[in-house]
């Protein structure tokens, strides 16, 4: 099972393996509070794509398409797929305010299609 969650939300036992999928460390979150099992910043969108998207919902569909293209040749995607295979529950953590329009959502969709 793969879930997504804002890193600012409380940790729960059901989170399972907690992996941050942001390129940048989230503001105001200590390493202790994050309780990460992993940080795959390399799986995050490129800086150019991240800046272009700017978390604008009207750009999300194009962002999704471009990000999926990036992921096709990104070796970190394979690392993330290995984590998902190794653990029964994985939570992809992100810092964005919008729970519907972010890279963790795209990753979760992509991983769900591989099940």
N, C-alpha and C. Protein backbone atom coordinates (compact mmCIF):
# COMPACT_ATOMS: atom_id res chain seq x y z
N UNK A 1 0.83 -1.17 0.00
CA UNK A 1 0.00 0.00 0.00
C UNK A 1 0.89 1.26 0.00
N UNK A 2 0.57 2.18 -0.86
CA UNK A 2 1.29 3.44 -0.93
C UNK A 2 0.31 4.57 -0.63
N UNK A 3 0.70 5.44 0.29
CA UNK A 3 -0.12 6.59 0.66
C UNK A 3 0.73 7.85 0.54
N UNK A 4 0.05 8.99 0.55
CA UNK A 4 0.78 10.26 0.59
C UNK A 4 0.29 11.07 1.79
N UNK A 5 1.19 11.93 2.27
CA UNK A 5 0.87 12.69 3.47
C UNK A 5 1.79 13.90 3.55
N UNK A 6 1.24 15.01 4.04
CA UNK A 6 2.09 16.17 4.30
C UNK A 6 3.02 15.85 5.45
N UNK A 7 4.25 16.26 5.32
CA UNK A 7 5.24 15.97 6.36
C UNK A 7 4.89 16.69 7.67
N UNK A 8 4.05 17.71 7.59
CA UNK A 8 3.66 18.48 8.78
C UNK A 8 2.56 17.78 9.58
N UNK A 9 1.94 16.75 9.01
CA UNK A 9 0.89 16.01 9.72
C UNK A 9 1.53 15.03 10.71
N UNK A 10 0.79 14.69 11.77
CA UNK A 10 1.35 13.78 12.78
C UNK A 10 1.73 12.41 12.21
N UNK A 11 2.77 11.84 12.76
CA UNK A 11 3.20 10.50 12.39
C UNK A 11 2.23 9.49 12.99
N UNK A 12 1.93 8.43 12.23
CA UNK A 12 1.04 7.37 12.71
C UNK A 12 1.69 6.03 12.42
N UNK A 13 1.41 5.01 13.25
CA UNK A 13 1.98 3.68 12.99
C UNK A 13 1.61 3.14 11.61
N UNK A 14 0.44 3.50 11.10
CA UNK A 14 0.00 3.01 9.80
C UNK A 14 0.80 3.60 8.63
N UNK A 15 1.64 4.61 8.92
CA UNK A 15 2.46 5.21 7.86
C UNK A 15 3.43 4.19 7.26
N UNK A 16 3.86 3.25 8.07
CA UNK A 16 4.84 2.29 7.58
C UNK A 16 6.17 2.98 7.30
N UNK A 17 6.78 2.66 6.16
CA UNK A 17 8.05 3.25 5.76
C UNK A 17 7.78 4.67 5.28
N UNK A 18 8.40 5.65 5.92
CA UNK A 18 8.16 7.07 5.61
C UNK A 18 9.32 7.61 4.79
N UNK A 19 8.99 8.06 3.57
CA UNK A 19 10.03 8.57 2.68
C UNK A 19 9.64 9.95 2.15
N UNK A 20 10.54 10.90 2.34
CA UNK A 20 10.35 12.26 1.83
C UNK A 20 10.70 12.28 0.34
N UNK A 21 9.80 12.82 -0.48
CA UNK A 21 10.02 12.85 -1.93
C UNK A 21 10.15 14.28 -2.45
N UNK A 22 10.54 15.20 -1.59
CA UNK A 22 10.82 16.59 -1.98
C UNK A 22 12.32 16.75 -2.19
N UNK A 23 12.69 17.61 -3.11
CA UNK A 23 14.10 17.90 -3.36
C UNK A 23 14.68 18.76 -2.24
N UNK A 24 13.85 19.64 -1.67
CA UNK A 24 14.30 20.55 -0.62
C UNK A 24 13.74 20.10 0.73
N UNK A 25 14.54 20.29 1.79
CA UNK A 25 14.08 19.94 3.13
C UNK A 25 12.96 20.91 3.52
N UNK A 26 11.86 20.40 4.09
CA UNK A 26 10.72 21.26 4.46
C UNK A 26 11.06 22.21 5.60
N UNK A 27 10.60 23.43 5.46
CA UNK A 27 10.85 24.45 6.48
C UNK A 27 10.18 24.11 7.80
N UNK A 28 10.92 24.36 8.86
CA UNK A 28 10.36 24.21 10.19
C UNK A 28 10.20 22.78 10.68
N UNK A 29 10.77 21.82 9.99
CA UNK A 29 10.64 20.42 10.40
C UNK A 29 12.02 19.91 10.81
N UNK A 30 12.13 19.50 12.05
CA UNK A 30 13.40 18.94 12.51
C UNK A 30 13.51 17.49 12.03
N UNK A 31 14.71 16.98 12.01
CA UNK A 31 14.90 15.58 11.60
C UNK A 31 14.21 14.64 12.57
N UNK A 32 14.19 14.99 13.86
CA UNK A 32 13.51 14.15 14.85
C UNK A 32 12.01 14.12 14.60
N UNK A 33 11.44 15.29 14.34
CA UNK A 33 9.99 15.38 14.12
C UNK A 33 9.59 14.69 12.82
N UNK A 34 10.43 14.72 11.82
CA UNK A 34 10.11 14.12 10.52
C UNK A 34 9.99 12.60 10.61
N UNK A 35 10.81 12.00 11.46
CA UNK A 35 10.81 10.54 11.64
C UNK A 35 10.84 9.81 10.29
N UNK A 36 11.82 10.18 9.50
CA UNK A 36 11.96 9.58 8.17
C UNK A 36 12.69 8.26 8.21
N UNK A 37 12.30 7.39 7.30
CA UNK A 37 13.06 6.18 7.04
C UNK A 37 13.95 6.38 5.82
N UNK A 38 13.60 7.37 5.00
CA UNK A 38 14.39 7.66 3.82
C UNK A 38 14.04 9.01 3.23
N UNK A 39 14.97 9.53 2.45
CA UNK A 39 14.76 10.80 1.74
C UNK A 39 15.26 10.58 0.32
N UNK A 40 14.36 10.50 -0.63
CA UNK A 40 14.73 10.31 -2.03
C UNK A 40 14.55 11.62 -2.79
N UNK A 41 15.41 12.57 -2.50
CA UNK A 41 15.27 13.87 -3.16
C UNK A 41 15.50 13.78 -4.66
N UNK A 42 16.23 12.76 -5.09
CA UNK A 42 16.52 12.61 -6.52
C UNK A 42 15.27 12.23 -7.32
N UNK A 43 14.23 11.70 -6.67
CA UNK A 43 13.01 11.32 -7.37
C UNK A 43 12.08 12.52 -7.57
N UNK A 44 12.37 13.61 -6.91
CA UNK A 44 11.56 14.82 -7.04
C UNK A 44 11.71 15.43 -8.43
N UNK A 45 10.77 16.28 -8.83
CA UNK A 45 10.89 16.94 -10.13
C UNK A 45 12.17 17.78 -10.21
N UNK A 46 12.66 17.96 -11.42
CA UNK A 46 13.84 18.80 -11.63
C UNK A 46 13.54 20.21 -11.12
N UNK A 47 14.58 20.93 -10.81
CA UNK A 47 14.40 22.31 -10.32
C UNK A 47 13.64 23.14 -11.35
N UNK A 48 13.98 22.97 -12.61
CA UNK A 48 13.32 23.74 -13.68
C UNK A 48 11.81 23.44 -13.71
N UNK A 49 11.45 22.17 -13.65
CA UNK A 49 10.03 21.80 -13.68
C UNK A 49 9.32 22.26 -12.42
N UNK A 50 9.96 22.10 -11.29
CA UNK A 50 9.36 22.53 -10.01
C UNK A 50 9.06 24.02 -10.01
N UNK A 51 10.02 24.81 -10.49
CA UNK A 51 9.81 26.26 -10.53
C UNK A 51 8.73 26.64 -11.53
N UNK A 52 8.70 25.98 -12.69
CA UNK A 52 7.67 26.27 -13.68
C UNK A 52 6.28 25.97 -13.11
N UNK A 53 6.13 24.82 -12.47
CA UNK A 53 4.84 24.43 -11.90
C UNK A 53 4.37 25.42 -10.84
N UNK A 54 5.24 25.75 -9.91
CA UNK A 54 4.91 26.72 -8.87
C UNK A 54 3.67 26.38 -8.06
N UNK A 55 3.27 25.12 -8.04
CA UNK A 55 2.09 24.63 -7.33
C UNK A 55 0.81 25.34 -7.76
N UNK A 56 0.75 25.71 -9.04
CA UNK A 56 -0.46 26.33 -9.59
C UNK A 56 -1.36 25.22 -10.13
N UNK A 57 -2.55 25.05 -9.54
CA UNK A 57 -3.44 23.96 -9.94
C UNK A 57 -3.73 23.92 -11.44
N UNK A 58 -3.82 25.07 -12.06
CA UNK A 58 -4.12 25.11 -13.50
C UNK A 58 -2.98 24.54 -14.35
N UNK A 59 -1.81 24.39 -13.78
CA UNK A 59 -0.66 23.80 -14.50
C UNK A 59 -0.45 22.33 -14.16
N UNK A 60 -1.29 21.78 -13.28
CA UNK A 60 -1.02 20.44 -12.77
C UNK A 60 -1.05 19.36 -13.84
N UNK A 61 -2.00 19.39 -14.74
CA UNK A 61 -2.07 18.34 -15.76
C UNK A 61 -0.82 18.32 -16.63
N UNK A 62 -0.32 19.49 -17.01
CA UNK A 62 0.91 19.56 -17.80
C UNK A 62 2.11 19.16 -16.94
N UNK A 63 2.09 19.57 -15.67
CA UNK A 63 3.16 19.17 -14.75
C UNK A 63 3.20 17.65 -14.65
N UNK A 64 2.04 17.03 -14.46
CA UNK A 64 1.96 15.57 -14.35
C UNK A 64 2.61 14.92 -15.57
N UNK A 65 2.25 15.38 -16.74
CA UNK A 65 2.78 14.82 -17.98
C UNK A 65 4.31 14.98 -18.06
N UNK A 66 4.80 16.18 -17.79
CA UNK A 66 6.24 16.45 -17.86
C UNK A 66 7.01 15.69 -16.79
N UNK A 67 6.44 15.60 -15.61
CA UNK A 67 7.10 14.89 -14.52
C UNK A 67 7.19 13.40 -14.83
N UNK A 68 6.14 12.83 -15.36
CA UNK A 68 6.18 11.42 -15.74
C UNK A 68 7.25 11.17 -16.81
N UNK A 69 7.42 12.10 -17.70
CA UNK A 69 8.48 11.98 -18.71
C UNK A 69 9.85 11.98 -18.04
N UNK A 70 10.04 12.88 -17.08
CA UNK A 70 11.31 12.90 -16.33
C UNK A 70 11.55 11.58 -15.62
N UNK A 71 10.51 11.03 -15.05
CA UNK A 71 10.65 9.81 -14.26
C UNK A 71 11.04 8.59 -15.10
N UNK A 72 10.72 8.61 -16.38
CA UNK A 72 11.04 7.48 -17.25
C UNK A 72 12.54 7.20 -17.29
N UNK A 73 13.35 8.24 -17.16
CA UNK A 73 14.81 8.08 -17.24
C UNK A 73 15.50 8.38 -15.91
N UNK A 74 14.73 8.46 -14.84
CA UNK A 74 15.28 8.80 -13.53
C UNK A 74 15.56 7.51 -12.74
N UNK A 75 16.84 7.19 -12.46
CA UNK A 75 17.17 5.98 -11.70
C UNK A 75 16.57 5.96 -10.28
N UNK A 76 16.29 7.12 -9.73
CA UNK A 76 15.70 7.18 -8.39
C UNK A 76 14.30 6.58 -8.38
N UNK A 77 13.63 6.58 -9.52
CA UNK A 77 12.31 5.95 -9.60
C UNK A 77 12.42 4.46 -9.26
N UNK A 78 13.47 3.82 -9.76
CA UNK A 78 13.70 2.41 -9.46
C UNK A 78 13.97 2.19 -7.98
N UNK A 79 14.68 3.12 -7.36
CA UNK A 79 14.92 3.03 -5.91
C UNK A 79 13.60 3.08 -5.15
N UNK A 80 12.72 4.00 -5.56
CA UNK A 80 11.42 4.12 -4.91
C UNK A 80 10.58 2.87 -5.13
N UNK A 81 10.61 2.32 -6.34
CA UNK A 81 9.87 1.09 -6.61
C UNK A 81 10.38 -0.06 -5.75
N UNK A 82 11.68 -0.11 -5.50
CA UNK A 82 12.26 -1.14 -4.65
C UNK A 82 11.78 -0.99 -3.21
N UNK A 83 11.66 0.23 -2.73
CA UNK A 83 11.15 0.48 -1.38
C UNK A 83 9.71 -0.02 -1.28
N UNK A 84 8.91 0.28 -2.29
CA UNK A 84 7.50 -0.13 -2.28
C UNK A 84 7.37 -1.65 -2.27
N UNK A 85 8.26 -2.32 -2.98
CA UNK A 85 8.23 -3.79 -2.99
C UNK A 85 8.69 -4.37 -1.65
N UNK A 86 9.59 -3.68 -0.98
CA UNK A 86 10.19 -4.20 0.25
C UNK A 86 9.32 -4.01 1.50
N UNK A 87 8.39 -3.07 1.48
CA UNK A 87 7.61 -2.75 2.67
C UNK A 87 6.11 -2.84 2.37
N UNK A 88 5.34 -3.38 3.31
CA UNK A 88 3.90 -3.50 3.07
C UNK A 88 3.16 -2.16 3.04
N UNK A 89 3.67 -1.18 3.76
CA UNK A 89 3.06 0.16 3.78
C UNK A 89 4.16 1.19 3.59
N UNK A 90 3.95 2.09 2.65
CA UNK A 90 4.90 3.17 2.37
C UNK A 90 4.12 4.47 2.29
N UNK A 91 4.62 5.50 2.96
CA UNK A 91 4.01 6.82 2.89
C UNK A 91 4.99 7.78 2.25
N UNK A 92 4.54 8.39 1.15
CA UNK A 92 5.34 9.40 0.46
C UNK A 92 5.02 10.75 1.10
N UNK A 93 6.04 11.38 1.64
CA UNK A 93 5.87 12.65 2.35
C UNK A 93 6.25 13.82 1.46
N UNK A 94 5.47 14.89 1.57
CA UNK A 94 5.70 16.10 0.78
C UNK A 94 5.39 17.31 1.66
N UNK A 95 5.86 18.49 1.26
CA UNK A 95 5.65 19.69 2.05
C UNK A 95 4.60 20.63 1.46
N UNK A 96 4.22 20.45 0.22
CA UNK A 96 3.28 21.36 -0.44
C UNK A 96 1.98 21.49 0.35
N UNK A 97 1.34 22.64 0.23
CA UNK A 97 0.07 22.89 0.93
C UNK A 97 -1.09 22.13 0.29
N UNK A 98 -1.06 21.99 -1.01
CA UNK A 98 -2.17 21.40 -1.76
C UNK A 98 -2.03 19.87 -1.82
N UNK A 99 -2.96 19.13 -1.20
CA UNK A 99 -2.86 17.67 -1.19
C UNK A 99 -3.19 17.01 -2.53
N UNK A 100 -3.78 17.75 -3.46
CA UNK A 100 -4.17 17.18 -4.74
C UNK A 100 -3.21 17.51 -5.87
N UNK A 101 -2.46 18.57 -5.75
CA UNK A 101 -1.61 19.05 -6.85
C UNK A 101 -0.15 19.12 -6.39
N UNK A 102 0.50 17.95 -6.35
CA UNK A 102 1.90 17.88 -5.92
C UNK A 102 2.55 16.63 -6.51
N UNK A 103 3.87 16.56 -6.42
CA UNK A 103 4.60 15.45 -7.02
C UNK A 103 4.34 14.12 -6.33
N UNK A 104 4.05 14.12 -5.03
CA UNK A 104 3.76 12.87 -4.32
C UNK A 104 2.51 12.22 -4.90
N UNK A 105 1.53 13.03 -5.28
CA UNK A 105 0.31 12.50 -5.89
C UNK A 105 0.65 11.79 -7.21
N UNK A 106 1.51 12.41 -8.01
CA UNK A 106 1.91 11.81 -9.30
C UNK A 106 2.66 10.50 -9.04
N UNK A 107 3.57 10.50 -8.10
CA UNK A 107 4.32 9.29 -7.77
C UNK A 107 3.39 8.18 -7.28
N UNK A 108 2.45 8.52 -6.44
CA UNK A 108 1.51 7.54 -5.91
C UNK A 108 0.70 6.92 -7.04
N UNK A 109 0.23 7.73 -7.97
CA UNK A 109 -0.52 7.23 -9.13
C UNK A 109 0.35 6.28 -9.95
N UNK A 110 1.57 6.67 -10.17
CA UNK A 110 2.49 5.87 -10.98
C UNK A 110 2.77 4.52 -10.31
N UNK A 111 3.00 4.56 -9.02
CA UNK A 111 3.29 3.31 -8.27
C UNK A 111 2.05 2.41 -8.19
N UNK A 112 0.88 2.99 -8.09
CA UNK A 112 -0.36 2.20 -8.03
C UNK A 112 -0.56 1.43 -9.32
N UNK A 113 -0.16 1.97 -10.44
CA UNK A 113 -0.31 1.29 -11.73
C UNK A 113 0.63 0.12 -11.86
N UNK A 114 1.67 0.07 -11.03
CA UNK A 114 2.66 -1.00 -11.10
C UNK A 114 2.25 -2.21 -10.26
N UNK A 115 1.26 -2.04 -9.39
CA UNK A 115 0.83 -3.14 -8.51
C UNK A 115 0.16 -4.25 -9.30
